[in-house]
Amino acid sequence: MHKEYMELLEGLIDKLTLSAILEMLERICHKKAENLRTHWDDENLAKLWDKAARQIEQINIDV
């Protein structure tokens, strides 16, 4: 099953760029954090998702 997902992800990277994929992942992490705060009142998990978003943002990829 992981092989299928890897192939799908590779296809997305080929169609977009690695930079675009990372930017989308960053946005998704921020949205998950916002959702956890708004709907689940889970600040601790929200902080972890925000931290993941910041770490992704720090990755500089021009590929």
PDB file of N, CA and C in Angstrom:
ATOM      1  N   MET A   1       0.820  -1.185   0.000  1.00  0.00           N
ATOM      2  CA  MET A   1       0.000   0.000   0.000  1.00  0.00           C
ATOM      3  C   MET A   1       0.872   1.260   0.000  1.00  0.00           C
ATOM      4  N   HIS A   2       1.946   1.271   0.737  1.00  0.00           N
ATOM      5  CA  HIS A   2       2.812   2.443   0.781  1.00  0.00           C
ATOM      6  C   HIS A   2       3.401   2.753  -0.592  1.00  0.00           C
ATOM      7  N   LYS A   3       3.669   1.717  -1.363  1.00  0.00           N
ATOM      8  CA  LYS A   3       4.233   1.926  -2.693  1.00  0.00           C
ATOM      9  C   LYS A   3       3.263   2.729  -3.558  1.00  0.00           C
ATOM     10  N   GLU A   4       1.982   2.421  -3.461  1.00  0.00           N
ATOM     11  CA  GLU A   4       0.966   3.158  -4.225  1.00  0.00           C
ATOM     12  C   GLU A   4       0.957   4.630  -3.833  1.00  0.00           C
ATOM     13  N   TYR A   5       1.008   4.902  -2.544  1.00  0.00           N
ATOM     14  CA  TYR A   5       1.006   6.282  -2.071  1.00  0.00           C
ATOM     15  C   TYR A   5       2.267   7.020  -2.506  1.00  0.00           C
ATOM     16  N   MET A   6       3.378   6.332  -2.467  1.00  0.00           N
ATOM     17  CA  MET A   6       4.633   6.956  -2.902  1.00  0.00           C
ATOM     18  C   MET A   6       4.564   7.309  -4.383  1.00  0.00           C
ATOM     19  N   GLU A   7       3.988   6.426  -5.177  1.00  0.00           N
ATOM     20  CA  GLU A   7       3.848   6.699  -6.607  1.00  0.00           C
ATOM     21  C   GLU A   7       2.900   7.872  -6.846  1.00  0.00           C
ATOM     22  N   LEU A   8       1.811   7.943  -6.087  1.00  0.00           N
ATOM     23  CA  LEU A   8       0.888   9.068  -6.200  1.00  0.00           C
ATOM     24  C   LEU A   8       1.565  10.383  -5.824  1.00  0.00           C
ATOM     25  N   LEU A   9       2.306  10.351  -4.737  1.00  0.00           N
ATOM     26  CA  LEU A   9       3.013  11.546  -4.292  1.00  0.00           C
ATOM     27  C   LEU A   9       4.078  11.968  -5.295  1.00  0.00           C
ATOM     28  N   GLU A  10       4.797  11.014  -5.834  1.00  0.00           N
ATOM     29  CA  GLU A  10       5.802  11.323  -6.846  1.00  0.00           C
ATOM     30  C   GLU A  10       5.147  11.961  -8.070  1.00  0.00           C
ATOM     31  N   GLY A  11       3.989  11.456  -8.457  1.00  0.00           N
ATOM     32  CA  GLY A  11       3.256  12.031  -9.582  1.00  0.00           C
ATOM     33  C   GLY A  11       2.850  13.475  -9.315  1.00  0.00           C
ATOM     34  N   LEU A  12       2.398  13.750  -8.094  1.00  0.00           N
ATOM     35  CA  LEU A  12       2.038  15.116  -7.732  1.00  0.00           C
ATOM     36  C   LEU A  12       3.253  16.039  -7.774  1.00  0.00           C
ATOM     37  N   ILE A  13       4.360  15.551  -7.267  1.00  0.00           N
ATOM     38  CA  ILE A  13       5.592  16.350  -7.291  1.00  0.00           C
ATOM     39  C   ILE A  13       6.010  16.622  -8.726  1.00  0.00           C
ATOM     40  N   ASP A  14       5.880  15.621  -9.592  1.00  0.00           N
ATOM     41  CA  ASP A  14       6.220  15.798 -11.000  1.00  0.00           C
ATOM     42  C   ASP A  14       5.316  16.829 -11.668  1.00  0.00           C
ATOM     43  N   LYS A  15       4.023  16.823 -11.323  1.00  0.00           N
ATOM     44  CA  LYS A  15       3.072  17.755 -11.940  1.00  0.00           C
ATOM     45  C   LYS A  15       3.214  19.164 -11.395  1.00  0.00           C
ATOM     46  N   LEU A  16       3.490  19.282 -10.119  1.00  0.00           N
ATOM     47  CA  LEU A  16       3.581  20.591  -9.479  1.00  0.00           C
ATOM     48  C   LEU A  16       5.058  20.924  -9.310  1.00  0.00           C
ATOM     49  N   THR A  17       5.538  20.894  -8.118  1.00  0.00           N
ATOM     50  CA  THR A  17       6.957  20.955  -7.770  1.00  0.00           C
ATOM     51  C   THR A  17       7.046  20.531  -6.310  1.00  0.00           C
ATOM     52  N   LEU A  18       8.214  20.189  -5.872  1.00  0.00           N
ATOM     53  CA  LEU A  18       8.385  19.844  -4.461  1.00  0.00           C
ATOM     54  C   LEU A  18       8.074  21.062  -3.604  1.00  0.00           C
ATOM     55  N   SER A  19       8.477  22.231  -4.059  1.00  0.00           N
ATOM     56  CA  SER A  19       8.200  23.463  -3.333  1.00  0.00           C
ATOM     57  C   SER A  19       6.698  23.674  -3.161  1.00  0.00           C
ATOM     58  N   ALA A  20       5.924  23.463  -4.203  1.00  0.00           N
ATOM     59  CA  ALA A  20       4.470  23.632  -4.135  1.00  0.00           C
ATOM     60  C   ALA A  20       3.844  22.630  -3.166  1.00  0.00           C
ATOM     61  N   ILE A  21       4.320  21.403  -3.189  1.00  0.00           N
ATOM     62  CA  ILE A  21       3.800  20.366  -2.285  1.00  0.00           C
ATOM     63  C   ILE A  21       4.084  20.752  -0.832  1.00  0.00           C
ATOM     64  N   LEU A  22       5.303  21.224  -0.566  1.00  0.00           N
ATOM     65  CA  LEU A  22       5.648  21.634   0.795  1.00  0.00           C
ATOM     66  C   LEU A  22       4.796  22.811   1.249  1.00  0.00           C
ATOM     67  N   GLU A  23       4.532  23.752   0.348  1.00  0.00           N
ATOM     68  CA  GLU A  23       3.682  24.883   0.696  1.00  0.00           C
ATOM     69  C   GLU A  23       2.265  24.416   1.039  1.00  0.00           C
ATOM     70  N   MET A  24       1.760  23.462   0.286  1.00  0.00           N
ATOM     71  CA  MET A  24       0.429  22.917   0.574  1.00  0.00           C
ATOM     72  C   MET A  24       0.423  22.197   1.915  1.00  0.00           C
ATOM     73  N   LEU A  25       1.467  21.436   2.195  1.00  0.00           N
ATOM     74  CA  LEU A  25       1.550  20.735   3.476  1.00  0.00           C
ATOM     75  C   LEU A  25       1.576  21.732   4.634  1.00  0.00           C
ATOM     76  N   GLU A  26       2.296  22.824   4.457  1.00  0.00           N
ATOM     77  CA  GLU A  26       2.338  23.858   5.486  1.00  0.00           C
ATOM     78  C   GLU A  26       0.938  24.410   5.743  1.00  0.00           C
ATOM     79  N   ARG A  27       0.214  24.724   4.681  1.00  0.00           N
ATOM     80  CA  ARG A  27      -1.146  25.262   4.825  1.00  0.00           C
ATOM     81  C   ARG A  27      -2.071  24.254   5.498  1.00  0.00           C
ATOM     82  N   ILE A  28      -1.939  22.996   5.118  1.00  0.00           N
ATOM     83  CA  ILE A  28      -2.770  21.944   5.721  1.00  0.00           C
ATOM     84  C   ILE A  28      -2.507  21.856   7.220  1.00  0.00           C
ATOM     85  N   CYS A  29      -1.249  21.924   7.608  1.00  0.00           N
ATOM     86  CA  CYS A  29      -0.897  21.870   9.033  1.00  0.00           C
ATOM     87  C   CYS A  29      -1.526  23.035   9.790  1.00  0.00           C
ATOM     88  N   HIS A  30      -1.448  24.241   9.222  1.00  0.00           N
ATOM     89  CA  HIS A  30      -2.065  25.398   9.872  1.00  0.00           C
ATOM     90  C   HIS A  30      -3.577  25.229   9.985  1.00  0.00           C
ATOM     91  N   LYS A  31      -4.210  24.702   8.944  1.00  0.00           N
ATOM     92  CA  LYS A  31      -5.659  24.493   8.973  1.00  0.00           C
ATOM     93  C   LYS A  31      -6.049  23.450  10.021  1.00  0.00           C
ATOM     94  N   LYS A  32      -5.228  22.399  10.149  1.00  0.00           N
ATOM     95  CA  LYS A  32      -5.514  21.373  11.157  1.00  0.00           C
ATOM     96  C   LYS A  32      -5.412  21.989  12.548  1.00  0.00           C
ATOM     97  N   ALA A  33      -4.409  22.840  12.740  1.00  0.00           N
ATOM     98  CA  ALA A  33      -4.250  23.503  14.037  1.00  0.00           C
ATOM     99  C   ALA A  33      -5.457  24.383  14.338  1.00  0.00           C
ATOM    100  N   GLU A  34      -5.893  25.146  13.352  1.00  0.00           N
ATOM    101  CA  GLU A  34      -7.046  26.017  13.529  1.00  0.00           C
ATOM    102  C   GLU A  34      -8.303  25.203  13.853  1.00  0.00           C
ATOM    103  N   ASN A  35      -8.479  24.097  13.155  1.00  0.00           N
ATOM    104  CA  ASN A  35      -9.631  23.230  13.395  1.00  0.00           C
ATOM    105  C   ASN A  35      -9.606  22.640  14.812  1.00  0.00           C
ATOM    106  N   LEU A  36      -8.438  22.245  15.260  1.00  0.00           N
ATOM    107  CA  LEU A  36      -8.319  21.687  16.615  1.00  0.00           C
ATOM    108  C   LEU A  36      -8.657  22.732  17.671  1.00  0.00           C
ATOM    109  N   ARG A  37      -8.248  23.964  17.438  1.00  0.00           N
ATOM    110  CA  ARG A  37      -8.564  25.029  18.385  1.00  0.00           C
ATOM    111  C   ARG A  37     -10.058  25.359  18.376  1.00  0.00           C
ATOM    112  N   THR A  38     -10.606  25.479  17.185  1.00  0.00           N
ATOM    113  CA  THR A  38     -11.987  25.933  17.029  1.00  0.00           C
ATOM    114  C   THR A  38     -13.008  24.882  17.429  1.00  0.00           C
ATOM    115  N   HIS A  39     -12.794  23.651  16.991  1.00  0.00           N
ATOM    116  CA  HIS A  39     -13.831  22.628  17.162  1.00  0.00           C
ATOM    117  C   HIS A  39     -13.546  21.605  18.265  1.00  0.00           C
ATOM    118  N   TRP A  40     -12.301  21.472  18.654  1.00  0.00           N
ATOM    119  CA  TRP A  40     -11.957  20.437  19.628  1.00  0.00           C
ATOM    120  C   TRP A  40     -11.353  20.986  20.915  1.00  0.00           C
ATOM    121  N   ASP A  41     -11.089  22.289  20.945  1.00  0.00           N
ATOM    122  CA  ASP A  41     -10.503  22.921  22.126  1.00  0.00           C
ATOM    123  C   ASP A  41      -9.248  22.178  22.597  1.00  0.00           C
ATOM    124  N   ASP A  42      -8.421  21.814  21.618  1.00  0.00           N
ATOM    125  CA  ASP A  42      -7.205  21.050  21.923  1.00  0.00           C
ATOM    126  C   ASP A  42      -5.979  21.891  21.547  1.00  0.00           C
ATOM    127  N   GLU A  43      -5.609  22.768  22.460  1.00  0.00           N
ATOM    128  CA  GLU A  43      -4.505  23.689  22.202  1.00  0.00           C
ATOM    129  C   GLU A  43      -3.170  22.956  22.094  1.00  0.00           C
ATOM    130  N   ASN A  44      -2.984  21.909  22.878  1.00  0.00           N
ATOM    131  CA  ASN A  44      -1.705  21.191  22.844  1.00  0.00           C
ATOM    132  C   ASN A  44      -1.445  20.560  21.476  1.00  0.00           C
ATOM    133  N   LEU A  45      -2.424  19.874  20.940  1.00  0.00           N
ATOM    134  CA  LEU A  45      -2.251  19.256  19.625  1.00  0.00           C
ATOM    135  C   LEU A  45      -2.176  20.326  18.538  1.00  0.00           C
ATOM    136  N   ALA A  46      -2.926  21.398  18.700  1.00  0.00           N
ATOM    137  CA  ALA A  46      -2.873  22.498  17.732  1.00  0.00           C
ATOM    138  C   ALA A  46      -1.464  23.090  17.670  1.00  0.00           C
ATOM    139  N   LYS A  47      -0.830  23.234  18.810  1.00  0.00           N
ATOM    140  CA  LYS A  47       0.545  23.763  18.834  1.00  0.00           C
ATOM    141  C   LYS A  47       1.503  22.839  18.084  1.00  0.00           C
ATOM    142  N   LEU A  48       1.290  21.546  18.195  1.00  0.00           N
ATOM    143  CA  LEU A  48       2.150  20.599  17.476  1.00  0.00           C
ATOM    144  C   LEU A  48       1.977  20.745  15.961  1.00  0.00           C
ATOM    145  N   TRP A  49       0.738  20.932  15.507  1.00  0.00           N
ATOM    146  CA  TRP A  49       0.498  21.123  14.076  1.00  0.00           C
ATOM    147  C   TRP A  49       1.088  22.449  13.602  1.00  0.00           C
ATOM    148  N   ASP A  50       0.984  23.495  14.432  1.00  0.00           N
ATOM    149  CA  ASP A  50       1.615  24.774  14.076  1.00  0.00           C
ATOM    150  C   ASP A  50       3.129  24.635  14.005  1.00  0.00           C
ATOM    151  N   LYS A  51       3.687  23.868  14.927  1.00  0.00           N
ATOM    152  CA  LYS A  51       5.132  23.638  14.917  1.00  0.00           C
ATOM    153  C   LYS A  51       5.543  22.911  13.638  1.00  0.00           C
ATOM    154  N   ALA A  52       4.773  21.921  13.242  1.00  0.00           N
ATOM    155  CA  ALA A  52       5.061  21.197  11.998  1.00  0.00           C
ATOM    156  C   ALA A  52       5.009  22.153  10.810  1.00  0.00           C
ATOM    157  N   ALA A  53       4.019  23.041  10.802  1.00  0.00           N
ATOM    158  CA  ALA A  53       3.895  24.016   9.713  1.00  0.00           C
ATOM    159  C   ALA A  53       5.122  24.921   9.659  1.00  0.00           C
ATOM    160  N   ARG A  54       5.573  25.382  10.814  1.00  0.00           N
ATOM    161  CA  ARG A  54       6.765  26.251  10.848  1.00  0.00           C
ATOM    162  C   ARG A  54       8.013  25.508  10.375  1.00  0.00           C
ATOM    163  N   GLN A  55       8.139  24.261  10.753  1.00  0.00           N
ATOM    164  CA  GLN A  55       9.294  23.489  10.324  1.00  0.00           C
ATOM    165  C   GLN A  55       9.275  23.274   8.810  1.00  0.00           C
ATOM    166  N   ILE A  56       8.117  22.997   8.252  1.00  0.00           N
ATOM    167  CA  ILE A  56       8.008  22.844   6.805  1.00  0.00           C
ATOM    168  C   ILE A  56       8.348  24.153   6.110  1.00  0.00           C
ATOM    169  N   GLU A  57       7.893  25.268   6.688  1.00  0.00           N
ATOM    170  CA  GLU A  57       8.145  26.582   6.116  1.00  0.00           C
ATOM    171  C   GLU A  57       9.651  26.885   6.044  1.00  0.00           C
ATOM    172  N   GLN A  58      10.410  26.339   6.966  1.00  0.00           N
ATOM    173  CA  GLN A  58      11.849  26.581   7.012  1.00  0.00           C
ATOM    174  C   GLN A  58      12.635  25.832   5.929  1.00  0.00           C
ATOM    175  N   ILE A  59      11.999  24.876   5.299  1.00  0.00           N
ATOM    176  CA  ILE A  59      12.671  24.085   4.259  1.00  0.00           C
ATOM    177  C   ILE A  59      12.701  24.907   2.973  1.00  0.00           C
ATOM    178  N   ASN A  60      13.890  25.192   2.486  1.00  0.00           N
ATOM    179  CA  ASN A  60      14.040  25.955   1.253  1.00  0.00           C
ATOM    180  C   ASN A  60      14.369  25.016   0.110  1.00  0.00           C
ATOM    181  N   ILE A  61      13.400  24.797  -0.765  1.00  0.00           N
ATOM    182  CA  ILE A  61      13.568  23.887  -1.887  1.00  0.00           C
ATOM    183  C   ILE A  61      13.235  24.629  -3.175  1.00  0.00           C
ATOM    184  N   ASP A  62      14.116  24.600  -4.118  1.00  0.00           N
ATOM    185  CA  ASP A  62      13.860  25.236  -5.411  1.00  0.00           C
ATOM    186  C   ASP A  62      13.750  24.192  -6.522  1.00  0.00           C
ATOM    187  N   VAL A  63      13.224  23.022  -6.199  1.00  0.00           N
ATOM    188  CA  VAL A  63      13.128  21.954  -7.177  1.00  0.00           C
ATOM    189  C   VAL A  63      11.688  21.811  -7.614  1.00  0.00           C
TER     190      VAL A  63
END
